[in-house]
Amino acid sequence: PHQFSGGQRQRILIAMALAGEPDVLLADEPTTALDATVQDQILTLLGDLNRETGTALVLITHNMGVVARACERVLVMYGGTVVEDGPTAEVLTRPRHPYTAGLLAAVPRLATPSGTRLTGIPGSPPDLTLLGDGCAFADRCTLAEDRCRTATPPLARVAGDVRVACLPAVGRTEPLPAPAPPVRIDRPAPGAVVLEADGLTKTYGGRGARRRGVPALDGVSLTLREGETLGIVGESG
């Protein structure tokens, strides 16, 4: 097993879980180590299993794209509690809780110009051993009021099937304030070359009846400069 990549091992474990045709499948970050094409295949397989066999599926994930792609409902958690709960399309397009809105604002988008700083949520997550009364998100929240630091907000229905644990959000009709616009960072002048490869190749030899080698790299050339980040994209495994 140590010779398999992380993506290959993950796919094997998913196949083992699906082989038993479970009534409920609890999947914790099932597509983390997979590239986009294999991730889509796994999510399609899970969706087919859900429809054809009735297997209920719980996806635990940080990936909003996976939530939008595969989930009918979503629970957003912060500090160990549910802060927003509702139909996926409603929660992702009209977030009521400031934490949900902050998460969505922080999602990278392909249309964003290179060099743009991601929109973050100020502050740090709470120490779960020191939580007391009040909202766990209050110290990071732009809508926080004095009562938010003394009263624990209940999970209350605010619209249709959407429930939110936020005192300022209950009874609020206007949308949440838009987050601050992304900040464009000026890139420094290109630095000195620190890594350069020209026509790089790598072939793994076959074993047993499979004598033919497996080409992993075939004529790959790249240049990396000081202070630069280079992305290498391809299928996992």
C-alpha atoms as a PDB file:
ATOM      1  CA  PRO A   1       0.000   0.000   0.000  1.00  0.00           C
ATOM      2  CA  HIS A   2       2.899   2.413   0.610  1.00  0.00           C
ATOM      3  CA  GLN A   3       3.554   2.408  -3.138  1.00  0.00           C
ATOM      4  CA  PHE A   4       0.135   3.895  -3.932  1.00  0.00           C
ATOM      5  CA  SER A   5      -0.330   7.650  -4.047  1.00  0.00           C
ATOM      6  CA  GLY A   6      -2.581   9.397  -1.541  1.00  0.00           C
ATOM      7  CA  GLY A   7      -5.283   9.779  -4.172  1.00  0.00           C
ATOM      8  CA  GLN A   8      -5.149   6.073  -5.082  1.00  0.00           C
ATOM      9  CA  ARG A   9      -5.400   5.021  -1.428  1.00  0.00           C
ATOM     10  CA  GLN A  10      -8.338   7.356  -0.927  1.00  0.00           C
ATOM     11  CA  ARG A  11     -10.198   5.900  -3.906  1.00  0.00           C
ATOM     12  CA  ILE A  12      -9.586   2.348  -2.628  1.00  0.00           C
ATOM     13  CA  LEU A  13     -11.001   3.226   0.801  1.00  0.00           C
ATOM     14  CA  ILE A  14     -14.061   4.847  -0.776  1.00  0.00           C
ATOM     15  CA  ALA A  15     -14.632   1.721  -2.900  1.00  0.00           C
ATOM     16  CA  MET A  16     -14.371  -0.483   0.219  1.00  0.00           C
ATOM     17  CA  ALA A  17     -16.953   1.663   2.002  1.00  0.00           C
ATOM     18  CA  LEU A  18     -19.363   1.593  -0.943  1.00  0.00           C
ATOM     19  CA  ALA A  19     -19.034  -2.172  -1.473  1.00  0.00           C
ATOM     20  CA  GLY A  20     -21.013  -2.850   1.704  1.00  0.00           C
ATOM     21  CA  GLU A  21     -24.016  -0.830   0.436  1.00  0.00           C
ATOM     22  CA  PRO A  22     -24.452   0.991   3.771  1.00  0.00           C
ATOM     23  CA  ASP A  23     -27.701   2.627   4.863  1.00  0.00           C
ATOM     24  CA  VAL A  24     -25.770   5.719   5.960  1.00  0.00           C
ATOM     25  CA  LEU A  25     -22.389   6.790   4.618  1.00  0.00           C
ATOM     26  CA  LEU A  26     -20.414   9.300   6.696  1.00  0.00           C
ATOM     27  CA  ALA A  27     -17.718  10.771   4.453  1.00  0.00           C
ATOM     28  CA  ASP A  28     -15.131  13.047   6.072  1.00  0.00           C
ATOM     29  CA  GLU A  29     -13.345  15.019   3.325  1.00  0.00           C
ATOM     30  CA  PRO A  30     -13.738  12.169   0.785  1.00  0.00           C
ATOM     31  CA  THR A  31     -12.247  14.145  -2.118  1.00  0.00           C
ATOM     32  CA  THR A  32      -9.404  16.017  -0.403  1.00  0.00           C
ATOM     33  CA  ALA A  33      -6.496  14.242  -2.121  1.00  0.00           C
ATOM     34  CA  LEU A  34      -8.194  13.937  -5.508  1.00  0.00           C
ATOM     35  CA  ASP A  35      -7.860  16.131  -8.568  1.00  0.00           C
ATOM     36  CA  ALA A  36     -10.905  17.843 -10.080  1.00  0.00           C
ATOM     37  CA  THR A  37     -11.752  15.130 -12.625  1.00  0.00           C
ATOM     38  CA  VAL A  38     -11.528  12.226 -10.170  1.00  0.00           C
ATOM     39  CA  GLN A  39     -13.349  14.304  -7.548  1.00  0.00           C
ATOM     40  CA  ASP A  40     -16.223  14.730  -9.995  1.00  0.00           C
ATOM     41  CA  GLN A  41     -16.286  10.971 -10.658  1.00  0.00           C
ATOM     42  CA  ILE A  42     -16.436  10.191  -6.922  1.00  0.00           C
ATOM     43  CA  LEU A  43     -19.187  12.737  -6.279  1.00  0.00           C
ATOM     44  CA  THR A  44     -21.165  11.378  -9.239  1.00  0.00           C
ATOM     45  CA  LEU A  45     -20.773   7.841  -7.868  1.00  0.00           C
ATOM     46  CA  LEU A  46     -21.933   8.927  -4.402  1.00  0.00           C
ATOM     47  CA  GLY A  47     -24.912  10.710  -5.938  1.00  0.00           C
ATOM     48  CA  ASP A  48     -25.864   7.630  -7.979  1.00  0.00           C
ATOM     49  CA  LEU A  49     -25.591   5.455  -4.865  1.00  0.00           C
ATOM     50  CA  ASN A  50     -27.788   7.891  -2.980  1.00  0.00           C
ATOM     51  CA  ARG A  51     -30.516   7.818  -5.627  1.00  0.00           C
ATOM     52  CA  GLU A  52     -30.389   4.140  -6.630  1.00  0.00           C
ATOM     53  CA  THR A  53     -29.992   2.448  -3.242  1.00  0.00           C
ATOM     54  CA  GLY A  54     -31.376   5.058  -0.856  1.00  0.00           C
ATOM     55  CA  THR A  55     -28.085   5.334   1.024  1.00  0.00           C
ATOM     56  CA  ALA A  56     -28.149   8.519   3.089  1.00  0.00           C
ATOM     57  CA  LEU A  57     -24.977  10.562   2.786  1.00  0.00           C
ATOM     58  CA  VAL A  58     -23.326  12.946   5.252  1.00  0.00           C
ATOM     59  CA  LEU A  59     -20.446  14.923   3.726  1.00  0.00           C
ATOM     60  CA  ILE A  60     -18.030  16.634   6.106  1.00  0.00           C
ATOM     61  CA  THR A  61     -16.012  19.112   4.087  1.00  0.00           C
ATOM     62  CA  HIS A  62     -14.373  22.532   3.928  1.00  0.00           C
ATOM     63  CA  ASN A  63     -14.892  22.661   0.160  1.00  0.00           C
ATOM     64  CA  MET A  64     -17.835  24.895  -0.742  1.00  0.00           C
ATOM     65  CA  GLY A  65     -17.719  23.586  -4.307  1.00  0.00           C
ATOM     66  CA  VAL A  66     -18.330  20.043  -3.039  1.00  0.00           C
ATOM     67  CA  VAL A  67     -21.222  21.299  -0.905  1.00  0.00           C
ATOM     68  CA  ALA A  68     -22.803  23.080  -3.877  1.00  0.00           C
ATOM     69  CA  ARG A  69     -22.223  20.070  -6.143  1.00  0.00           C
ATOM     70  CA  ALA A  70     -23.433  17.240  -3.931  1.00  0.00           C
ATOM     71  CA  CYS A  71     -25.538  18.416  -0.968  1.00  0.00           C
ATOM     72  CA  GLU A  72     -29.257  19.159  -0.732  1.00  0.00           C
ATOM     73  CA  ARG A  73     -28.922  20.681   2.731  1.00  0.00           C
ATOM     74  CA  VAL A  74     -25.980  22.186   4.577  1.00  0.00           C
ATOM     75  CA  LEU A  75     -25.142  22.753   8.241  1.00  0.00           C
ATOM     76  CA  VAL A  76     -22.501  25.416   8.881  1.00  0.00           C
ATOM     77  CA  MET A  77     -20.653  24.905  12.173  1.00  0.00           C
ATOM     78  CA  TYR A  78     -18.511  27.240  14.261  1.00  0.00           C
ATOM     79  CA  GLY A  79     -17.100  26.666  17.712  1.00  0.00           C
ATOM     80  CA  GLY A  80     -18.683  23.212  17.892  1.00  0.00           C
ATOM     81  CA  THR A  81     -22.252  24.401  17.252  1.00  0.00           C
ATOM     82  CA  VAL A  82     -24.493  24.825  14.218  1.00  0.00           C
ATOM     83  CA  VAL A  83     -24.730  28.503  13.256  1.00  0.00           C
ATOM     84  CA  GLU A  84     -26.734  28.116  10.038  1.00  0.00           C
ATOM     85  CA  ASP A  85     -28.838  25.314   8.592  1.00  0.00           C
ATOM     86  CA  GLY A  86     -30.911  25.191   5.445  1.00  0.00           C
ATOM     87  CA  PRO A  87     -31.251  24.203   1.783  1.00  0.00           C
ATOM     88  CA  THR A  88     -27.882  24.416   0.071  1.00  0.00           C
ATOM     89  CA  ALA A  89     -28.920  26.828  -2.669  1.00  0.00           C
ATOM     90  CA  GLU A  90     -30.497  29.204  -0.148  1.00  0.00           C
ATOM     91  CA  VAL A  91     -27.588  29.163   2.302  1.00  0.00           C
ATOM     92  CA  LEU A  92     -24.901  29.599  -0.362  1.00  0.00           C
ATOM     93  CA  THR A  93     -26.656  32.395  -2.251  1.00  0.00           C
ATOM     94  CA  ARG A  94     -28.246  34.257   0.683  1.00  0.00           C
ATOM     95  CA  PRO A  95     -26.204  33.575   3.816  1.00  0.00           C
ATOM     96  CA  ARG A  96     -27.794  34.921   6.992  1.00  0.00           C
ATOM     97  CA  HIS A  97     -24.995  34.251   9.458  1.00  0.00           C
ATOM     98  CA  PRO A  98     -21.886  36.478   9.263  1.00  0.00           C
ATOM     99  CA  TYR A  99     -19.606  33.441   9.516  1.00  0.00           C
ATOM    100  CA  THR A 100     -21.265  31.796   6.500  1.00  0.00           C
ATOM    101  CA  ALA A 101     -20.967  35.050   4.565  1.00  0.00           C
ATOM    102  CA  GLY A 102     -17.288  35.268   5.510  1.00  0.00           C
ATOM    103  CA  LEU A 103     -16.606  31.711   4.343  1.00  0.00           C
ATOM    104  CA  LEU A 104     -18.220  32.364   0.975  1.00  0.00           C
ATOM    105  CA  ALA A 105     -16.323  35.625   0.531  1.00  0.00           C
ATOM    106  CA  ALA A 106     -13.046  33.772   1.171  1.00  0.00           C
ATOM    107  CA  VAL A 107     -13.586  31.194  -1.598  1.00  0.00           C
ATOM    108  CA  PRO A 108     -10.970  31.679  -4.376  1.00  0.00           C
ATOM    109  CA  ARG A 109     -12.446  32.400  -7.789  1.00  0.00           C
ATOM    110  CA  LEU A 110     -10.818  31.745 -11.150  1.00  0.00           C
ATOM    111  CA  ALA A 111     -11.952  35.150 -12.425  1.00  0.00           C
ATOM    112  CA  THR A 112      -9.987  36.943  -9.691  1.00  0.00           C
ATOM    113  CA  PRO A 113      -6.784  38.464 -11.105  1.00  0.00           C
ATOM    114  CA  SER A 114      -3.528  36.844 -10.042  1.00  0.00           C
ATOM    115  CA  GLY A 115      -1.943  38.623  -7.103  1.00  0.00           C
ATOM    116  CA  THR A 116      -5.249  39.459  -5.403  1.00  0.00           C
ATOM    117  CA  ARG A 117      -5.236  38.835  -1.667  1.00  0.00           C
ATOM    118  CA  LEU A 118      -7.998  36.494  -0.479  1.00  0.00           C
ATOM    119  CA  THR A 119     -10.747  38.018   1.634  1.00  0.00           C
ATOM    120  CA  GLY A 120     -10.303  36.618   5.132  1.00  0.00           C
ATOM    121  CA  ILE A 121     -12.230  36.652   8.396  1.00  0.00           C
ATOM    122  CA  PRO A 122     -10.453  38.818  10.992  1.00  0.00           C
ATOM    123  CA  GLY A 123      -9.382  37.280  14.283  1.00  0.00           C
ATOM    124  CA  SER A 124      -8.808  33.648  15.214  1.00  0.00           C
ATOM    125  CA  PRO A 125     -11.071  30.680  16.048  1.00  0.00           C
ATOM    126  CA  PRO A 126     -12.046  30.473  19.721  1.00  0.00           C
ATOM    127  CA  ASP A 127     -10.388  28.254  22.298  1.00  0.00           C
ATOM    128  CA  LEU A 128     -13.063  25.578  22.746  1.00  0.00           C
ATOM    129  CA  THR A 129     -11.905  24.903  26.308  1.00  0.00           C
ATOM    130  CA  LEU A 130     -12.685  28.493  27.303  1.00  0.00           C
ATOM    131  CA  LEU A 131     -16.099  28.991  25.713  1.00  0.00           C
ATOM    132  CA  GLY A 132     -18.652  30.607  27.992  1.00  0.00           C
ATOM    133  CA  ASP A 133     -21.905  32.460  27.510  1.00  0.00           C
ATOM    134  CA  GLY A 134     -22.513  34.429  24.365  1.00  0.00           C
ATOM    135  CA  CYS A 135     -21.899  33.817  20.691  1.00  0.00           C
ATOM    136  CA  ALA A 136     -18.574  32.109  19.924  1.00  0.00           C
ATOM    137  CA  PHE A 137     -18.221  34.255  16.788  1.00  0.00           C
ATOM    138  CA  ALA A 138     -18.882  37.601  18.494  1.00  0.00           C
ATOM    139  CA  ASP A 139     -15.245  38.724  18.706  1.00  0.00           C
ATOM    140  CA  ARG A 140     -14.838  38.285  14.935  1.00  0.00           C
ATOM    141  CA  CYS A 141     -18.270  39.529  13.868  1.00  0.00           C
ATOM    142  CA  THR A 142     -18.936  42.904  12.238  1.00  0.00           C
ATOM    143  CA  LEU A 143     -22.583  42.792  13.380  1.00  0.00           C
ATOM    144  CA  ALA A 144     -21.884  41.928  17.033  1.00  0.00           C
ATOM    145  CA  GLU A 145     -23.859  43.785  19.690  1.00  0.00           C
ATOM    146  CA  ASP A 146     -23.400  43.863  23.467  1.00  0.00           C
ATOM    147  CA  ARG A 147     -26.029  41.151  23.921  1.00  0.00           C
ATOM    148  CA  CYS A 148     -24.085  38.829  21.606  1.00  0.00           C
ATOM    149  CA  ARG A 149     -21.359  38.527  24.252  1.00  0.00           C
ATOM    150  CA  THR A 150     -23.702  37.631  27.100  1.00  0.00           C
ATOM    151  CA  ALA A 151     -26.529  35.593  25.548  1.00  0.00           C
ATOM    152  CA  THR A 152     -26.042  32.370  23.606  1.00  0.00           C
ATOM    153  CA  PRO A 153     -28.062  32.674  20.376  1.00  0.00           C
ATOM    154  CA  PRO A 154     -30.586  29.880  19.742  1.00  0.00           C
ATOM    155  CA  LEU A 155     -30.899  28.261  16.333  1.00  0.00           C
ATOM    156  CA  ALA A 156     -34.001  30.123  15.143  1.00  0.00           C
ATOM    157  CA  ARG A 157     -35.957  29.912  11.902  1.00  0.00           C
ATOM    158  CA  VAL A 158     -35.574  33.123   9.888  1.00  0.00           C
ATOM    159  CA  ALA A 159     -36.954  32.287   6.438  1.00  0.00           C
ATOM    160  CA  GLY A 160     -38.522  29.140   5.023  1.00  0.00           C
ATOM    161  CA  ASP A 161     -36.368  26.183   6.049  1.00  0.00           C
ATOM    162  CA  VAL A 162     -33.358  28.313   7.017  1.00  0.00           C
ATOM    163  CA  ARG A 163     -32.328  28.483  10.678  1.00  0.00           C
ATOM    164  CA  VAL A 164     -29.638  30.781  12.050  1.00  0.00           C
ATOM    165  CA  ALA A 165     -27.974  31.114  15.460  1.00  0.00           C
ATOM    166  CA  CYS A 166     -27.424  34.880  15.341  1.00  0.00           C
ATOM    167  CA  LEU A 167     -29.273  37.453  17.439  1.00  0.00           C
ATOM    168  CA  PRO A 168     -28.856  40.353  14.954  1.00  0.00           C
ATOM    169  CA  ALA A 169     -29.964  38.120  12.064  1.00  0.00           C
ATOM    170  CA  VAL A 170     -33.323  37.194  13.602  1.00  0.00           C
ATOM    171  CA  GLY A 171     -35.930  39.523  12.118  1.00  0.00           C
ATOM    172  CA  ARG A 172     -33.422  41.068   9.730  1.00  0.00           C
ATOM    173  CA  THR A 173     -34.829  41.625   6.232  1.00  0.00           C
ATOM    174  CA  GLU A 174     -31.971  43.410   4.463  1.00  0.00           C
ATOM    175  CA  PRO A 175     -28.985  41.404   3.180  1.00  0.00           C
ATOM    176  CA  LEU A 176     -25.769  41.187   5.156  1.00  0.00           C
ATOM    177  CA  PRO A 177     -23.242  43.947   4.441  1.00  0.00           C
ATOM    178  CA  ALA A 178     -20.916  43.088   1.589  1.00  0.00           C
ATOM    179  CA  PRO A 179     -17.404  42.099   2.692  1.00  0.00           C
ATOM    180  CA  ALA A 180     -14.502  44.399   1.977  1.00  0.00           C
ATOM    181  CA  PRO A 181     -13.350  44.151  -1.662  1.00  0.00           C
ATOM    182  CA  PRO A 182     -10.253  42.049  -2.346  1.00  0.00           C
ATOM    183  CA  VAL A 183      -6.932  43.867  -2.189  1.00  0.00           C
ATOM    184  CA  ARG A 184      -4.656  43.656  -5.225  1.00  0.00           C
ATOM    185  CA  ILE A 185      -1.029  43.070  -4.299  1.00  0.00           C
ATOM    186  CA  ASP A 186       1.642  44.494  -6.563  1.00  0.00           C
ATOM    187  CA  ARG A 187       4.015  41.754  -7.591  1.00  0.00           C
ATOM    188  CA  PRO A 188       7.732  42.445  -7.143  1.00  0.00           C
ATOM    189  CA  ALA A 189      10.059  42.276 -10.116  1.00  0.00           C
ATOM    190  CA  PRO A 190      11.010  38.694 -11.069  1.00  0.00           C
ATOM    191  CA  GLY A 191      13.855  37.387  -8.929  1.00  0.00           C
ATOM    192  CA  ALA A 192      16.768  35.174  -9.799  1.00  0.00           C
ATOM    193  CA  VAL A 193      16.169  31.663 -11.095  1.00  0.00           C
ATOM    194  CA  VAL A 194      16.370  29.175  -8.204  1.00  0.00           C
ATOM    195  CA  LEU A 195      15.213  26.024 -10.023  1.00  0.00           C
ATOM    196  CA  GLU A 196      15.300  25.099 -13.675  1.00  0.00           C
ATOM    197  CA  ALA A 197      14.547  21.837 -15.471  1.00  0.00           C
ATOM    198  CA  ASP A 198      14.797  21.157 -19.187  1.00  0.00           C
ATOM    199  CA  GLY A 199      13.261  18.092 -20.808  1.00  0.00           C
ATOM    200  CA  LEU A 200      12.867  16.206 -17.531  1.00  0.00           C
ATOM    201  CA  THR A 201      11.855  12.536 -17.904  1.00  0.00           C
ATOM    202  CA  LYS A 202      11.085   9.740 -15.459  1.00  0.00           C
ATOM    203  CA  THR A 203       9.956   6.193 -16.220  1.00  0.00           C
ATOM    204  CA  TYR A 204       9.105   3.552 -13.617  1.00  0.00           C
ATOM    205  CA  GLY A 205      10.032   0.018 -14.640  1.00  0.00           C
ATOM    206  CA  GLY A 206       7.336  -2.630 -14.980  1.00  0.00           C
ATOM    207  CA  ARG A 207       7.195  -5.805 -12.883  1.00  0.00           C
ATOM    208  CA  GLY A 208       6.377  -9.408 -13.686  1.00  0.00           C
ATOM    209  CA  ALA A 209       4.503  -9.859 -16.936  1.00  0.00           C
ATOM    210  CA  ARG A 210       4.220  -6.111 -17.226  1.00  0.00           C
ATOM    211  CA  ARG A 211       7.691  -5.351 -18.510  1.00  0.00           C
ATOM    212  CA  ARG A 212       6.817  -2.070 -20.123  1.00  0.00           C
ATOM    213  CA  GLY A 213       7.774   0.947 -18.050  1.00  0.00           C
ATOM    214  CA  VAL A 214       5.324   3.595 -16.912  1.00  0.00           C
ATOM    215  CA  PRO A 215       6.264   7.140 -17.996  1.00  0.00           C
ATOM    216  CA  ALA A 216       5.651   9.573 -15.140  1.00  0.00           C
ATOM    217  CA  LEU A 217       7.375  12.555 -16.777  1.00  0.00           C
ATOM    218  CA  ASP A 218       8.057  13.043 -20.460  1.00  0.00           C
ATOM    219  CA  GLY A 219       9.953  16.127 -21.578  1.00  0.00           C
ATOM    220  CA  VAL A 220       8.892  18.457 -18.750  1.00  0.00           C
ATOM    221  CA  SER A 221      10.602  21.852 -18.626  1.00  0.00           C
ATOM    222  CA  LEU A 222      10.072  24.514 -15.968  1.00  0.00           C
ATOM    223  CA  THR A 223      11.667  27.558 -14.414  1.00  0.00           C
ATOM    224  CA  LEU A 224      11.089  28.820 -10.864  1.00  0.00           C
ATOM    225  CA  ARG A 225      12.215  32.256  -9.725  1.00  0.00           C
ATOM    226  CA  GLU A 226      12.890  33.625  -6.254  1.00  0.00           C
ATOM    227  CA  GLY A 227       9.658  34.576  -4.457  1.00  0.00           C
ATOM    228  CA  GLU A 228       7.485  32.938  -7.144  1.00  0.00           C
ATOM    229  CA  THR A 229       4.817  30.270  -6.645  1.00  0.00           C
ATOM    230  CA  LEU A 230       4.509  27.689  -9.432  1.00  0.00           C
ATOM    231  CA  GLY A 231       1.476  25.436  -9.716  1.00  0.00           C
ATOM    232  CA  ILE A 232       1.761  21.957 -11.246  1.00  0.00           C
ATOM    233  CA  VAL A 233      -1.654  20.557 -12.154  1.00  0.00           C
ATOM    234  CA  GLY A 234      -2.547  17.017 -13.167  1.00  0.00           C
ATOM    235  CA  GLU A 235      -4.572  13.943 -12.292  1.00  0.00           C
ATOM    236  CA  SER A 236      -3.874  12.272  -8.957  1.00  0.00           C
ATOM    237  CA  GLY A 237      -2.138   8.907  -8.923  1.00  0.00           C
END
